[in-house]
């Protein structure tokens, strides 16, 4: 990991966002999000965040609860039960491709 570039960070803070703060990672890998950030994005206990690798940095974005509300909302076809997540995703992609092909797209 590259050392943190404080001079560059100060420059970026002036140009990208009015809220730039530091947080430390705890012993178990937990991160406390500063209050100003939580308030700005309406984050509360139980909300989810998505982490993205961006070059040599990390982007963090709030994820709406709605995405996770769909988990378990659909019943798997009987023949798919017992398959791995990767197998289910491969079958889903194939069915989507077949559907699009039938539509003539």
N, C-alpha and C. Protein backbone atom coordinates (compact mmCIF):
# COMPACT_ATOMS: atom_id res chain seq x y z
N UNK A 1 0.84 -1.17 0.00
CA UNK A 1 0.00 0.00 0.00
C UNK A 1 0.89 1.24 0.00
N UNK A 2 0.53 2.22 -0.81
CA UNK A 2 1.29 3.46 -0.87
C UNK A 2 1.06 4.28 0.39
N UNK A 3 2.09 5.04 0.83
CA UNK A 3 1.88 5.92 1.98
C UNK A 3 0.84 7.00 1.63
N UNK A 4 0.11 7.45 2.64
CA UNK A 4 -0.92 8.45 2.43
C UNK A 4 -0.28 9.78 2.08
N UNK A 5 -0.75 10.40 1.02
CA UNK A 5 -0.20 11.67 0.53
C UNK A 5 -1.04 12.82 1.09
N UNK A 6 -0.60 13.38 2.21
CA UNK A 6 -1.36 14.44 2.88
C UNK A 6 -1.50 15.69 2.02
N UNK A 7 -0.47 16.06 1.30
CA UNK A 7 -0.54 17.26 0.47
C UNK A 7 -1.59 17.09 -0.63
N UNK A 8 -1.58 15.95 -1.27
CA UNK A 8 -2.57 15.68 -2.31
C UNK A 8 -3.97 15.61 -1.71
N UNK A 9 -4.10 15.02 -0.52
CA UNK A 9 -5.39 14.92 0.14
C UNK A 9 -5.95 16.31 0.44
N UNK A 10 -5.11 17.22 0.89
CA UNK A 10 -5.57 18.59 1.18
C UNK A 10 -6.08 19.25 -0.10
N UNK A 11 -5.37 19.03 -1.20
CA UNK A 11 -5.79 19.61 -2.48
C UNK A 11 -7.13 19.01 -2.91
N UNK A 12 -7.27 17.70 -2.79
CA UNK A 12 -8.51 17.04 -3.18
C UNK A 12 -9.67 17.46 -2.29
N UNK A 13 -9.39 17.66 -1.01
CA UNK A 13 -10.45 18.05 -0.08
C UNK A 13 -11.09 19.37 -0.50
N UNK A 14 -10.30 20.25 -1.07
CA UNK A 14 -10.81 21.55 -1.49
C UNK A 14 -11.63 21.44 -2.78
N UNK A 15 -11.38 20.40 -3.57
CA UNK A 15 -12.01 20.34 -4.88
C UNK A 15 -13.13 19.31 -5.01
N UNK A 16 -13.16 18.31 -4.13
CA UNK A 16 -14.13 17.24 -4.36
C UNK A 16 -15.30 17.21 -3.39
N UNK A 17 -15.09 17.54 -2.15
CA UNK A 17 -16.17 17.37 -1.18
C UNK A 17 -15.95 18.25 0.03
N UNK A 18 -17.02 18.80 0.58
CA UNK A 18 -16.86 19.61 1.77
C UNK A 18 -16.61 18.76 3.02
N UNK A 19 -16.81 17.44 2.94
CA UNK A 19 -16.62 16.59 4.11
C UNK A 19 -15.55 15.55 3.80
N UNK A 20 -14.40 15.69 4.41
CA UNK A 20 -13.31 14.71 4.30
C UNK A 20 -12.79 14.47 5.70
N UNK A 21 -12.82 13.23 6.14
CA UNK A 21 -12.42 12.91 7.50
C UNK A 21 -11.65 11.61 7.52
N UNK A 22 -10.96 11.39 8.61
CA UNK A 22 -10.21 10.15 8.79
C UNK A 22 -10.93 9.25 9.78
N UNK A 23 -10.72 7.96 9.64
CA UNK A 23 -11.25 6.99 10.59
C UNK A 23 -10.22 5.88 10.72
N UNK A 24 -10.16 5.27 11.89
CA UNK A 24 -9.22 4.18 12.12
C UNK A 24 -9.95 2.85 12.08
N UNK A 25 -9.25 1.84 11.59
CA UNK A 25 -9.79 0.49 11.57
C UNK A 25 -9.46 -0.15 12.91
N UNK A 26 -10.47 -0.73 13.56
CA UNK A 26 -10.30 -1.36 14.86
C UNK A 26 -9.70 -2.75 14.75
N UNK A 27 -9.52 -3.40 15.91
CA UNK A 27 -8.89 -4.71 15.97
C UNK A 27 -9.57 -5.75 15.11
N UNK A 28 -10.87 -5.72 15.02
CA UNK A 28 -11.60 -6.73 14.26
C UNK A 28 -11.92 -6.26 12.85
N UNK A 29 -11.24 -5.22 12.39
CA UNK A 29 -11.49 -4.73 11.04
C UNK A 29 -12.68 -3.80 10.95
N UNK A 30 -13.25 -3.44 12.10
CA UNK A 30 -14.41 -2.56 12.08
C UNK A 30 -13.98 -1.12 11.89
N UNK A 31 -14.83 -0.37 11.22
CA UNK A 31 -14.56 1.02 10.90
C UNK A 31 -15.71 1.86 11.44
N UNK A 32 -15.38 2.90 12.20
CA UNK A 32 -16.41 3.81 12.69
C UNK A 32 -16.51 4.97 11.71
N UNK A 33 -17.68 5.14 11.14
CA UNK A 33 -17.90 6.21 10.17
C UNK A 33 -18.17 7.50 10.93
N UNK A 34 -17.44 8.56 10.63
CA UNK A 34 -17.64 9.82 11.35
C UNK A 34 -19.10 10.28 11.29
N UNK A 35 -19.55 10.90 12.37
CA UNK A 35 -20.94 11.33 12.50
C UNK A 35 -21.37 12.23 11.34
N UNK A 36 -20.52 13.17 10.94
CA UNK A 36 -20.88 14.08 9.85
C UNK A 36 -21.16 13.32 8.55
N UNK A 37 -20.40 12.26 8.30
CA UNK A 37 -20.61 11.44 7.10
C UNK A 37 -21.93 10.67 7.23
N UNK A 38 -22.15 10.06 8.42
CA UNK A 38 -23.40 9.31 8.63
C UNK A 38 -24.62 10.21 8.44
N UNK A 39 -24.54 11.41 8.99
CA UNK A 39 -25.67 12.34 8.88
C UNK A 39 -25.87 12.79 7.44
N UNK A 40 -24.78 13.08 6.75
CA UNK A 40 -24.88 13.57 5.37
C UNK A 40 -25.58 12.56 4.46
N UNK A 41 -25.31 11.27 4.68
CA UNK A 41 -25.87 10.23 3.82
C UNK A 41 -27.03 9.48 4.46
N UNK A 42 -27.46 9.92 5.64
CA UNK A 42 -28.59 9.28 6.30
C UNK A 42 -28.31 7.85 6.73
N UNK A 43 -27.07 7.57 7.08
CA UNK A 43 -26.68 6.21 7.47
C UNK A 43 -27.03 5.95 8.92
N UNK A 44 -27.62 4.79 9.16
CA UNK A 44 -27.98 4.39 10.51
C UNK A 44 -27.53 2.95 10.73
N UNK A 45 -27.57 2.52 11.99
CA UNK A 45 -27.20 1.15 12.32
C UNK A 45 -28.01 0.18 11.47
N UNK A 46 -27.33 -0.80 10.90
CA UNK A 46 -28.00 -1.80 10.07
C UNK A 46 -27.96 -1.49 8.59
N UNK A 47 -27.64 -0.26 8.22
CA UNK A 47 -27.53 0.08 6.80
C UNK A 47 -26.29 -0.60 6.22
N UNK A 48 -26.27 -0.78 4.93
CA UNK A 48 -25.15 -1.46 4.26
C UNK A 48 -24.36 -0.48 3.41
N UNK A 49 -23.08 -0.79 3.26
CA UNK A 49 -22.18 -0.01 2.42
C UNK A 49 -21.54 -0.94 1.40
N UNK A 50 -21.31 -0.43 0.21
CA UNK A 50 -20.60 -1.18 -0.83
C UNK A 50 -19.20 -0.60 -0.95
N UNK A 51 -18.19 -1.47 -1.01
CA UNK A 51 -16.80 -1.05 -1.15
C UNK A 51 -16.32 -1.40 -2.55
N UNK A 52 -15.68 -0.46 -3.21
CA UNK A 52 -15.16 -0.64 -4.56
C UNK A 52 -13.68 -0.32 -4.59
N UNK A 53 -12.88 -1.17 -5.23
CA UNK A 53 -11.47 -0.87 -5.44
C UNK A 53 -11.39 0.08 -6.62
N UNK A 54 -10.70 1.19 -6.44
CA UNK A 54 -10.59 2.23 -7.46
C UNK A 54 -9.12 2.61 -7.60
N UNK A 55 -8.43 1.93 -8.52
CA UNK A 55 -6.99 2.16 -8.65
C UNK A 55 -6.29 1.70 -7.39
N UNK A 56 -5.59 2.63 -6.72
CA UNK A 56 -4.94 2.27 -5.47
C UNK A 56 -5.72 2.82 -4.27
N UNK A 57 -7.00 3.10 -4.49
CA UNK A 57 -7.86 3.61 -3.42
C UNK A 57 -9.11 2.77 -3.26
N UNK A 58 -9.97 3.21 -2.36
CA UNK A 58 -11.22 2.51 -2.07
C UNK A 58 -12.35 3.54 -2.11
N UNK A 59 -13.43 3.20 -2.78
CA UNK A 59 -14.64 4.03 -2.76
C UNK A 59 -15.68 3.30 -1.91
N UNK A 60 -16.41 4.07 -1.15
CA UNK A 60 -17.47 3.51 -0.31
C UNK A 60 -18.76 4.23 -0.67
N UNK A 61 -19.81 3.45 -0.92
CA UNK A 61 -21.10 4.05 -1.26
C UNK A 61 -22.20 3.39 -0.44
N UNK A 62 -23.17 4.20 -0.02
CA UNK A 62 -24.31 3.61 0.69
C UNK A 62 -25.14 2.75 -0.26
N UNK A 63 -25.69 1.68 0.26
CA UNK A 63 -26.55 0.79 -0.51
C UNK A 63 -27.95 0.91 0.09
N UNK A 64 -28.94 1.11 -0.74
CA UNK A 64 -30.29 1.24 -0.21
C UNK A 64 -30.75 -0.09 0.36
N UNK A 65 -31.57 -0.02 1.36
CA UNK A 65 -32.11 -1.24 1.98
C UNK A 65 -32.90 -2.05 0.97
N UNK A 66 -33.50 -1.37 0.00
CA UNK A 66 -34.36 -2.05 -0.96
C UNK A 66 -33.67 -3.21 -1.66
N UNK A 67 -32.38 -3.07 -1.96
CA UNK A 67 -31.65 -4.14 -2.64
C UNK A 67 -31.68 -5.40 -1.79
N UNK A 68 -31.42 -5.26 -0.50
CA UNK A 68 -31.37 -6.42 0.37
C UNK A 68 -32.76 -6.93 0.75
N UNK A 69 -33.78 -6.09 0.61
CA UNK A 69 -35.14 -6.53 0.89
C UNK A 69 -35.58 -7.61 -0.09
N UNK A 70 -34.98 -7.65 -1.28
CA UNK A 70 -35.36 -8.64 -2.29
C UNK A 70 -34.78 -10.01 -2.01
N UNK A 71 -33.74 -10.08 -1.15
CA UNK A 71 -33.12 -11.38 -0.87
C UNK A 71 -34.17 -12.29 -0.24
N UNK A 72 -34.34 -13.45 -0.81
CA UNK A 72 -35.31 -14.41 -0.32
C UNK A 72 -36.73 -14.18 -0.81
N UNK A 73 -36.93 -13.17 -1.64
CA UNK A 73 -38.27 -12.84 -2.10
C UNK A 73 -38.74 -13.78 -3.21
N UNK A 74 -37.81 -14.46 -3.86
CA UNK A 74 -38.16 -15.33 -4.98
C UNK A 74 -37.83 -16.78 -4.63
N UNK A 75 -38.69 -17.66 -5.06
CA UNK A 75 -38.48 -19.09 -4.85
C UNK A 75 -37.61 -19.62 -5.98
N UNK A 76 -36.58 -20.39 -5.65
CA UNK A 76 -35.75 -21.02 -6.67
C UNK A 76 -36.51 -22.15 -7.33
N UNK A 77 -36.32 -22.33 -8.64
CA UNK A 77 -36.90 -23.52 -9.27
C UNK A 77 -36.37 -24.77 -8.57
N UNK A 78 -37.20 -25.76 -8.45
CA UNK A 78 -36.84 -26.98 -7.71
C UNK A 78 -35.51 -27.57 -8.19
N UNK A 79 -35.30 -27.58 -9.53
CA UNK A 79 -34.07 -28.18 -10.07
C UNK A 79 -32.82 -27.35 -9.77
N UNK A 80 -32.99 -26.12 -9.30
CA UNK A 80 -31.85 -25.27 -8.97
C UNK A 80 -31.44 -25.39 -7.50
N UNK A 81 -32.30 -25.95 -6.69
CA UNK A 81 -32.00 -26.06 -5.26
C UNK A 81 -30.79 -26.96 -5.06
N UNK A 82 -29.89 -26.54 -4.21
CA UNK A 82 -28.67 -27.29 -3.96
C UNK A 82 -27.50 -26.86 -4.83
N UNK A 83 -27.75 -25.98 -5.81
CA UNK A 83 -26.66 -25.48 -6.65
C UNK A 83 -25.89 -24.39 -5.91
N UNK A 84 -24.64 -24.19 -6.31
CA UNK A 84 -23.84 -23.11 -5.73
C UNK A 84 -24.32 -21.77 -6.28
N UNK A 85 -23.93 -20.70 -5.61
CA UNK A 85 -24.28 -19.35 -6.07
C UNK A 85 -23.79 -19.13 -7.50
N UNK A 86 -22.57 -19.57 -7.80
CA UNK A 86 -22.00 -19.40 -9.13
C UNK A 86 -22.83 -20.14 -10.18
N UNK A 87 -23.27 -21.35 -9.85
CA UNK A 87 -24.10 -22.12 -10.79
C UNK A 87 -25.46 -21.45 -11.01
N UNK A 88 -26.04 -20.92 -9.94
CA UNK A 88 -27.33 -20.22 -10.07
C UNK A 88 -27.16 -18.98 -10.94
N UNK A 89 -26.09 -18.23 -10.73
CA UNK A 89 -25.85 -17.03 -11.53
C UNK A 89 -25.62 -17.39 -13.00
N UNK A 90 -24.88 -18.48 -13.26
CA UNK A 90 -24.64 -18.91 -14.64
C UNK A 90 -25.96 -19.29 -15.31
N UNK A 91 -26.81 -20.02 -14.61
CA UNK A 91 -28.11 -20.40 -15.17
C UNK A 91 -28.99 -19.17 -15.40
N UNK A 92 -28.95 -18.22 -14.47
CA UNK A 92 -29.74 -16.99 -14.61
C UNK A 92 -29.28 -16.21 -15.83
N UNK A 93 -27.97 -16.07 -15.99
CA UNK A 93 -27.44 -15.35 -17.17
C UNK A 93 -27.86 -16.04 -18.47
N UNK A 94 -27.79 -17.37 -18.48
CA UNK A 94 -28.17 -18.12 -19.68
C UNK A 94 -29.65 -17.93 -19.99
N UNK A 95 -30.48 -17.98 -18.97
CA UNK A 95 -31.92 -17.78 -19.19
C UNK A 95 -32.21 -16.36 -19.69
N UNK A 96 -31.49 -15.38 -19.16
CA UNK A 96 -31.67 -14.00 -19.64
C UNK A 96 -31.25 -13.89 -21.10
N UNK A 97 -30.12 -14.51 -21.45
CA UNK A 97 -29.64 -14.47 -22.84
C UNK A 97 -30.65 -15.16 -23.77
N UNK A 98 -31.18 -16.30 -23.33
CA UNK A 98 -32.18 -17.01 -24.14
C UNK A 98 -33.43 -16.16 -24.32
N UNK A 99 -33.87 -15.50 -23.27
CA UNK A 99 -35.06 -14.65 -23.34
C UNK A 99 -34.84 -13.50 -24.32
N UNK A 100 -33.68 -12.86 -24.25
CA UNK A 100 -33.36 -11.75 -25.16
C UNK A 100 -33.31 -12.26 -26.60
N UNK A 101 -32.72 -13.45 -26.81
CA UNK A 101 -32.65 -14.02 -28.16
C UNK A 101 -34.05 -14.30 -28.71
N UNK A 102 -34.94 -14.80 -27.85
CA UNK A 102 -36.32 -15.06 -28.29
C UNK A 102 -37.05 -13.77 -28.66
N UNK A 103 -36.67 -12.69 -28.02
CA UNK A 103 -37.31 -11.40 -28.30
C UNK A 103 -36.76 -10.77 -29.58
N UNK A 104 -35.70 -11.36 -30.14
CA UNK A 104 -35.11 -10.85 -31.38
C UNK A 104 -34.26 -9.61 -31.19
N UNK A 105 -33.67 -9.48 -30.03
CA UNK A 105 -32.83 -8.31 -29.74
C UNK A 105 -31.39 -8.60 -29.98
